[in-house]
N, C-alpha and C. Protein backbone atom coordinates (compact mmCIF):
# COMPACT_ATOMS: atom_id res chain seq x y z
N MET A 1 111.38 80.08 138.38
CA MET A 1 110.40 81.03 137.91
C MET A 1 109.01 80.44 138.12
N GLN A 2 108.06 81.29 138.46
CA GLN A 2 106.69 80.86 138.65
C GLN A 2 105.86 81.30 137.45
N VAL A 3 105.09 80.35 136.90
CA VAL A 3 104.30 80.62 135.70
C VAL A 3 102.85 80.24 135.97
N THR A 4 101.94 81.10 135.54
CA THR A 4 100.51 80.79 135.61
C THR A 4 99.94 80.87 134.21
N MET A 5 99.25 79.81 133.81
CA MET A 5 98.61 79.76 132.50
C MET A 5 97.10 79.86 132.73
N ILE A 6 96.44 80.67 131.92
CA ILE A 6 94.98 80.81 132.00
C ILE A 6 94.40 80.29 130.69
N ILE A 7 93.52 79.30 130.82
CA ILE A 7 92.90 78.70 129.64
C ILE A 7 91.41 79.03 129.68
N THR A 8 90.90 79.61 128.61
CA THR A 8 89.49 80.00 128.57
C THR A 8 88.74 79.38 127.40
N GLN A 9 89.41 78.64 126.55
CA GLN A 9 88.78 78.10 125.35
C GLN A 9 88.37 76.64 125.54
N ALA A 10 87.38 76.24 124.77
CA ALA A 10 86.92 74.86 124.79
C ALA A 10 87.39 74.11 123.55
N VAL A 11 88.58 74.44 123.08
CA VAL A 11 89.16 73.78 121.91
C VAL A 11 90.12 72.71 122.43
N PRO A 12 89.83 71.43 122.18
CA PRO A 12 90.68 70.37 122.73
C PRO A 12 92.16 70.53 122.42
N GLU A 13 92.50 70.93 121.21
CA GLU A 13 93.91 71.08 120.84
C GLU A 13 94.60 72.17 121.67
N VAL A 14 93.90 73.24 121.95
CA VAL A 14 94.47 74.33 122.76
C VAL A 14 94.74 73.84 124.18
N ILE A 15 93.78 73.16 124.77
CA ILE A 15 93.93 72.65 126.14
C ILE A 15 95.04 71.61 126.19
N TRP A 16 95.07 70.72 125.22
CA TRP A 16 96.09 69.68 125.16
C TRP A 16 97.49 70.29 125.08
N ASN A 17 97.65 71.29 124.20
CA ASN A 17 98.96 71.94 124.07
C ASN A 17 99.35 72.71 125.34
N ALA A 18 98.38 73.30 126.01
CA ALA A 18 98.68 74.01 127.27
C ALA A 18 99.20 73.03 128.32
N PHE A 19 98.57 71.88 128.45
CA PHE A 19 99.05 70.87 129.41
C PHE A 19 100.41 70.32 129.00
N ARG A 20 100.63 70.14 127.71
CA ARG A 20 101.94 69.67 127.24
C ARG A 20 103.03 70.67 127.62
N LEU A 21 102.80 71.94 127.35
CA LEU A 21 103.76 72.98 127.69
C LEU A 21 103.98 73.05 129.19
N ALA A 22 102.91 72.99 129.96
CA ALA A 22 103.03 73.03 131.42
C ALA A 22 103.85 71.86 131.93
N ASN A 23 103.64 70.67 131.38
CA ASN A 23 104.41 69.50 131.82
C ASN A 23 105.89 69.64 131.47
N MET A 24 106.19 70.21 130.30
CA MET A 24 107.59 70.44 129.94
C MET A 24 108.24 71.44 130.89
N MET A 25 107.50 72.45 131.29
CA MET A 25 108.02 73.44 132.21
C MET A 25 108.26 72.84 133.60
N LEU A 26 107.38 71.95 134.02
CA LEU A 26 107.58 71.27 135.31
C LEU A 26 108.84 70.41 135.29
N GLU A 27 109.12 69.79 134.15
CA GLU A 27 110.34 69.00 134.03
C GLU A 27 111.58 69.88 134.18
N GLY A 28 111.46 71.14 133.78
CA GLY A 28 112.56 72.09 133.90
C GLY A 28 112.60 72.76 135.27
N MET A 29 111.87 72.20 136.22
CA MET A 29 111.87 72.67 137.61
C MET A 29 111.22 74.04 137.78
N GLU A 30 110.30 74.39 136.92
CA GLU A 30 109.54 75.63 137.08
C GLU A 30 108.32 75.34 137.96
N GLU A 31 107.79 76.37 138.62
CA GLU A 31 106.54 76.26 139.35
C GLU A 31 105.44 76.69 138.40
N VAL A 32 104.50 75.77 138.12
CA VAL A 32 103.49 76.04 137.11
C VAL A 32 102.09 75.85 137.70
N SER A 33 101.22 76.82 137.40
CA SER A 33 99.81 76.75 137.76
C SER A 33 98.99 76.91 136.49
N ILE A 34 97.87 76.19 136.43
CA ILE A 34 96.94 76.35 135.32
C ILE A 34 95.59 76.73 135.92
N PHE A 35 95.03 77.81 135.41
CA PHE A 35 93.70 78.26 135.82
C PHE A 35 92.75 78.04 134.65
N LEU A 36 91.75 77.18 134.87
CA LEU A 36 90.75 76.90 133.85
C LEU A 36 89.55 77.82 134.09
N ASN A 37 89.10 78.50 133.03
CA ASN A 37 88.03 79.46 133.16
C ASN A 37 87.00 79.22 132.05
N GLY A 38 85.75 79.41 132.37
CA GLY A 38 84.69 79.27 131.37
C GLY A 38 84.57 77.84 130.87
N PRO A 39 84.43 77.66 129.56
CA PRO A 39 84.19 76.32 129.01
C PRO A 39 85.37 75.36 129.15
N SER A 40 86.55 75.88 129.40
CA SER A 40 87.71 74.98 129.53
C SER A 40 87.64 74.12 130.80
N VAL A 41 86.77 74.48 131.73
CA VAL A 41 86.61 73.70 132.96
C VAL A 41 86.17 72.28 132.63
N ARG A 42 85.48 72.10 131.52
CA ARG A 42 84.99 70.78 131.11
C ARG A 42 86.03 70.02 130.27
N TYR A 43 87.30 70.23 130.56
CA TYR A 43 88.38 69.62 129.75
C TYR A 43 88.29 68.10 129.70
N GLU A 44 87.79 67.47 130.75
CA GLU A 44 87.73 66.01 130.78
C GLU A 44 86.78 65.46 129.71
N THR A 45 85.75 66.21 129.37
CA THR A 45 84.79 65.75 128.37
C THR A 45 85.35 65.89 126.96
N MET A 46 86.45 66.62 126.81
CA MET A 46 87.06 66.83 125.49
C MET A 46 88.17 65.84 125.19
N ASP A 47 88.41 64.91 126.10
CA ASP A 47 89.47 63.91 125.95
C ASP A 47 89.16 63.00 124.75
N SER A 48 90.18 62.68 123.97
CA SER A 48 90.01 61.79 122.83
C SER A 48 91.34 61.08 122.57
N ASP A 49 91.34 60.16 121.61
CA ASP A 49 92.58 59.48 121.24
C ASP A 49 93.58 60.46 120.65
N GLN A 50 93.08 61.42 119.89
CA GLN A 50 93.96 62.41 119.27
C GLN A 50 94.52 63.40 120.29
N PHE A 51 93.70 63.77 121.27
CA PHE A 51 94.12 64.72 122.30
C PHE A 51 93.83 64.12 123.68
N PRO A 52 94.78 63.32 124.21
CA PRO A 52 94.57 62.68 125.52
C PRO A 52 94.77 63.66 126.68
N ILE A 53 93.81 64.54 126.84
CA ILE A 53 93.91 65.61 127.82
C ILE A 53 93.93 65.06 129.25
N LYS A 54 93.11 64.06 129.54
CA LYS A 54 93.06 63.51 130.91
C LYS A 54 94.42 62.98 131.34
N ASP A 55 95.12 62.30 130.44
CA ASP A 55 96.44 61.75 130.78
C ASP A 55 97.43 62.87 131.10
N LEU A 56 97.42 63.93 130.30
CA LEU A 56 98.33 65.04 130.54
C LEU A 56 97.98 65.78 131.83
N ALA A 57 96.69 65.91 132.11
CA ALA A 57 96.26 66.57 133.34
C ALA A 57 96.68 65.76 134.56
N LYS A 58 96.60 64.44 134.45
CA LYS A 58 97.01 63.58 135.55
C LYS A 58 98.51 63.71 135.81
N VAL A 59 99.31 63.69 134.75
CA VAL A 59 100.75 63.86 134.88
C VAL A 59 101.06 65.22 135.50
N PHE A 60 100.33 66.25 135.06
CA PHE A 60 100.54 67.60 135.58
C PHE A 60 100.31 67.67 137.08
N THR A 61 99.19 67.13 137.54
CA THR A 61 98.88 67.22 138.97
C THR A 61 99.79 66.32 139.80
N LEU A 62 100.18 65.16 139.27
CA LEU A 62 101.08 64.27 140.01
C LEU A 62 102.52 64.82 140.06
N SER A 63 102.81 65.74 139.15
CA SER A 63 104.15 66.36 139.11
C SER A 63 104.18 67.66 139.90
N GLU A 64 103.21 67.83 140.77
CA GLU A 64 103.10 68.99 141.66
C GLU A 64 102.71 70.28 140.95
N GLY A 65 102.08 70.16 139.79
CA GLY A 65 101.50 71.33 139.16
C GLY A 65 100.20 71.68 139.87
N GLN A 66 99.87 72.94 139.90
CA GLN A 66 98.64 73.39 140.57
C GLN A 66 97.57 73.65 139.52
N LEU A 67 96.42 72.99 139.69
CA LEU A 67 95.31 73.12 138.75
C LEU A 67 94.14 73.77 139.47
N TYR A 68 93.67 74.90 138.93
CA TYR A 68 92.55 75.64 139.53
C TYR A 68 91.45 75.77 138.51
N ALA A 69 90.21 75.69 139.01
CA ALA A 69 89.05 75.86 138.13
C ALA A 69 87.98 76.64 138.85
């Protein structure tokens, strides 16, 4: 199954959970794309110890997930 997620919020927890879900779906052999829109494009600046967004984004792209902004 092919899944596309659209993220439009600048809430770190929302972005972090979206990447977590996308990575779990990739493990299940799904085709997953994430489209970042609006303030969510700056996800790298929202990275923190509590929400390691950069690490999840790196795993996502290295696992053949498609990231669009």
